[in-house]
Structures are given as C-alpha cells and as structure tokens.
C-alpha cells in the first residue's frame, strides 16, 4: 500500500492537509502556529502535540479534530466500511454539513468520494498525490499554500475542482 492511507474517511486527501504537511516535514514553527491559532480561536489551550497528524487512516498520530471527527467515528461503527465511499447512504447529513461548513477544501468531498467509488482507491490516491505536487519542483503542496514552500512558484490556480 502506498499513499492510500492518506485517503481520508470523508473524501479529503490528507496528504494536502497543512497540519499533516507540517507534521511530516517536522516543521515545528508551523505546528506551533497551528496550536496557537486554535488556542486563540477556541480559548482552549492547544499544544504542538495536539496538532501533530499522520493522516486519518494512518494508525499514527491524529490531531484533535481528526481524532474526534464524527464522520471518522461513524465509519468505525459500520461493519466493513472504511470510508464514506463504502457506505450506501452517501451522501449523508454528516457529510453534507461538513461539505458546507465554509472551508473551501471541504466543498469537493462528495465529488471526491464518488470519483473514489468509480476509479478505486489506488488510482484516486495517485491522482491526488500528483494534483498536490508542485509542477515545477515536485514539492508537496497543501490546500492553502499560496506558493510552493520550496521553489516559491505560485500555486496552480486550478487545484480545487470547484
């Protein structure tokens, strides 16, 4: 298995998550920024260890949001269902609420899951890995990078399908 563990339960590609990228790149400064940002936003104290993440289905560290994700919990309660793409109720109300929560990268989850059903996990994971790779230097990009973190080339404008 390659990067298939980065195909999140909900249809997000964890490999493009800013927190995942900072964790894998061992970027302590960015992780500290995420922890401070969440502390300021919620009033709850977040530490760097609270935001480290290895991906939704990695069996590794999960940030607090993914650890407590109700979509992820739902999939664990469904026998033989790993991802929402495996569920007959696609799209359910949990997914549509998540899709419409105002986060741009959430807007495409239902479409992602339908594509995943059609092409299979391996092909979808490879497509997403390529999609979130800088076309200039091959560095990994995250959802909200304005430019490549390595070569500083502007991010491709068409990364989001919507």
Protein backbone atom coordinates (compact mmCIF):
# COMPACT_ATOMS: atom_id res chain seq x y z
CA UNK A 1 0.00 0.00 0.00
CA UNK A 2 1.38 3.40 -1.00
CA UNK A 3 -0.32 6.65 -0.16
CA UNK A 4 -3.78 5.07 0.14
CA UNK A 5 -3.74 5.63 3.90
CA UNK A 6 -3.86 9.35 3.06
CA UNK A 7 -7.34 8.97 1.55
CA UNK A 8 -9.42 10.22 4.45
CA UNK A 9 -12.68 8.66 5.58
CA UNK A 10 -14.59 11.75 4.41
CA UNK A 11 -13.01 12.06 0.95
CA UNK A 12 -10.28 14.54 1.80
CA UNK A 13 -6.74 13.83 0.71
CA UNK A 14 -4.77 14.05 3.97
CA UNK A 15 -1.54 14.49 2.00
CA UNK A 16 -2.62 18.06 1.19
CA UNK A 17 -3.53 18.99 4.77
CA UNK A 18 -1.40 21.83 6.16
CA UNK A 19 -1.16 20.16 9.56
CA UNK A 20 -0.23 16.81 8.02
CA UNK A 21 2.40 18.53 5.84
CA UNK A 22 3.89 20.38 8.84
CA UNK A 23 3.99 17.15 10.86
CA UNK A 24 5.67 15.14 8.10
CA UNK A 25 8.09 17.96 7.28
CA UNK A 26 8.90 18.29 11.00
CA UNK A 27 8.12 22.00 10.79
CA UNK A 28 7.84 22.81 14.49
CA UNK A 29 7.31 26.52 13.80
CA UNK A 30 4.22 25.86 11.67
CA UNK A 31 2.89 23.34 14.19
CA UNK A 32 3.32 25.91 16.95
CA UNK A 33 1.45 28.47 14.80
CA UNK A 34 -1.43 25.99 14.33
CA UNK A 35 -1.55 25.27 18.07
CA UNK A 36 -1.55 28.99 18.94
CA UNK A 37 -4.14 29.74 16.28
CA UNK A 38 -6.50 27.11 17.63
CA UNK A 39 -5.89 28.28 21.20
CA UNK A 40 -6.77 31.85 20.18
CA UNK A 41 -9.79 30.73 18.17
CA UNK A 42 -11.31 28.43 20.81
CA UNK A 43 -9.93 29.66 24.13
CA UNK A 44 -8.85 26.07 24.86
CA UNK A 45 -5.09 25.54 25.27
CA UNK A 46 -3.62 23.57 22.34
CA UNK A 47 -0.08 22.23 22.26
CA UNK A 48 2.06 21.19 19.32
CA UNK A 49 1.37 17.55 20.21
CA UNK A 50 -2.38 18.24 19.94
CA UNK A 51 -1.99 19.20 16.28
CA UNK A 52 0.52 16.61 15.04
CA UNK A 53 -1.13 14.32 12.50
CA UNK A 54 -0.07 11.37 10.34
CA UNK A 55 -3.35 11.13 8.43
CA UNK A 56 -6.86 9.94 9.17
CA UNK A 57 -6.27 6.24 8.49
CA UNK A 58 -2.54 6.01 9.24
CA UNK A 59 -2.80 4.28 12.63
CA UNK A 60 -0.42 7.01 13.78
CA UNK A 61 -0.89 10.36 15.49
CA UNK A 62 -4.10 12.25 14.86
CA UNK A 63 -4.70 15.91 15.55
CA UNK A 64 -7.56 16.68 17.94
CA UNK A 65 -10.01 17.49 15.12
CA UNK A 66 -9.47 14.21 13.26
CA UNK A 67 -9.31 12.24 16.50
CA UNK A 68 -12.79 13.49 17.43
CA UNK A 69 -14.27 13.59 13.92
CA UNK A 70 -17.83 12.24 13.93
CA UNK A 71 -17.52 11.13 10.30
CA UNK A 72 -14.49 9.04 11.24
CA UNK A 73 -16.33 7.64 14.30
CA UNK A 74 -19.32 6.73 12.11
CA UNK A 75 -17.14 4.73 9.71
CA UNK A 76 -15.65 2.77 12.62
CA UNK A 77 -19.16 1.80 13.73
CA UNK A 78 -20.08 0.47 10.28
CA UNK A 79 -19.06 -3.14 9.72
CA UNK A 80 -16.84 -3.46 6.66
CA UNK A 81 -16.91 0.28 5.90
CA UNK A 82 -13.58 2.11 6.00
CA UNK A 83 -14.53 5.28 4.12
CA UNK A 84 -17.75 7.07 3.30
CA UNK A 85 -17.27 5.86 -0.29
CA UNK A 86 -18.09 2.37 1.07
CA UNK A 87 -21.43 3.50 2.51
CA UNK A 88 -24.83 3.08 0.86
CA UNK A 89 -26.00 6.35 2.48
CA UNK A 90 -23.53 8.54 0.54
CA UNK A 91 -24.01 11.46 0.94
CA UNK A 92 -25.39 11.51 4.48
CA UNK A 93 -26.28 14.60 6.50
CA UNK A 94 -22.96 14.44 8.39
CA UNK A 95 -21.06 14.71 5.11
CA UNK A 96 -23.21 17.48 3.67
CA UNK A 97 -22.87 19.56 6.86
CA UNK A 98 -19.09 19.08 6.70
CA UNK A 99 -19.03 19.90 2.99
CA UNK A 100 -20.92 23.14 3.57
CA UNK A 101 -19.05 24.42 6.64
CA UNK A 102 -17.31 27.25 4.73
CA UNK A 103 -13.93 25.56 4.24
CA UNK A 104 -13.02 25.56 0.55
CA UNK A 105 -11.26 22.20 0.65
CA UNK A 106 -14.39 20.59 2.14
CA UNK A 107 -16.55 21.61 -0.85
CA UNK A 108 -15.37 18.72 -3.01
CA UNK A 109 -15.65 15.79 -0.57
CA UNK A 110 -18.82 14.25 -2.01
CA UNK A 111 -17.47 14.54 -5.55
CA UNK A 112 -14.18 13.06 -4.33
CA UNK A 113 -16.00 10.10 -2.79
CA UNK A 114 -17.96 9.46 -5.97
CA UNK A 115 -14.76 9.58 -8.03
CA UNK A 116 -13.14 7.25 -5.49
CA UNK A 117 -16.03 4.78 -5.93
CA UNK A 118 -15.62 4.91 -9.69
CA UNK A 119 -11.83 4.68 -10.10
CA UNK A 120 -10.77 2.89 -6.90
CA UNK A 121 -8.60 3.93 -4.02
CA UNK A 122 -5.21 3.28 -5.59
CA UNK A 123 -5.84 5.38 -8.72
CA UNK A 124 -7.57 8.16 -6.78
CA UNK A 125 -4.67 8.36 -4.28
CA UNK A 126 -2.15 8.59 -7.12
CA UNK A 127 -4.18 11.31 -8.84
CA UNK A 128 -4.41 13.33 -5.62
CA UNK A 129 -0.72 12.93 -4.90
CA UNK A 130 0.08 14.31 -8.34
CA UNK A 131 -2.52 17.05 -8.03
CA UNK A 132 -0.98 18.32 -4.78
CA UNK A 133 2.62 18.27 -6.04
CA UNK A 134 4.33 21.41 -7.35
CA UNK A 135 4.60 21.11 -11.14
CA UNK A 136 7.93 22.98 -11.03
CA UNK A 137 10.00 21.31 -8.30
CA UNK A 138 7.80 18.36 -7.19
CA UNK A 139 7.47 19.57 -3.58
CA UNK A 140 4.28 18.74 -1.69
CA UNK A 141 1.60 21.43 -1.62
CA UNK A 142 -1.14 21.89 0.95
CA UNK A 143 -4.66 23.19 0.46
CA UNK A 144 -4.00 26.80 1.30
CA UNK A 145 -0.41 27.33 0.17
CA UNK A 146 -0.27 30.49 -1.94
CA UNK A 147 3.05 29.36 -3.35
CA UNK A 148 5.26 26.30 -3.35
CA UNK A 149 7.02 26.04 0.02
CA UNK A 150 10.27 25.06 -1.74
CA UNK A 151 10.65 26.89 -5.06
CA UNK A 152 8.16 29.71 -4.27
CA UNK A 153 6.36 29.28 -7.63
CA UNK A 154 2.73 30.45 -7.44
CA UNK A 155 0.38 27.57 -6.79
CA UNK A 156 -1.61 26.34 -9.78
CA UNK A 157 -4.93 28.17 -9.87
CA UNK A 158 -6.96 25.08 -10.73
CA UNK A 159 -6.08 22.87 -7.73
CA UNK A 160 -9.63 22.92 -6.43
CA UNK A 161 -12.11 21.34 -8.82
CA UNK A 162 -14.91 23.73 -7.83
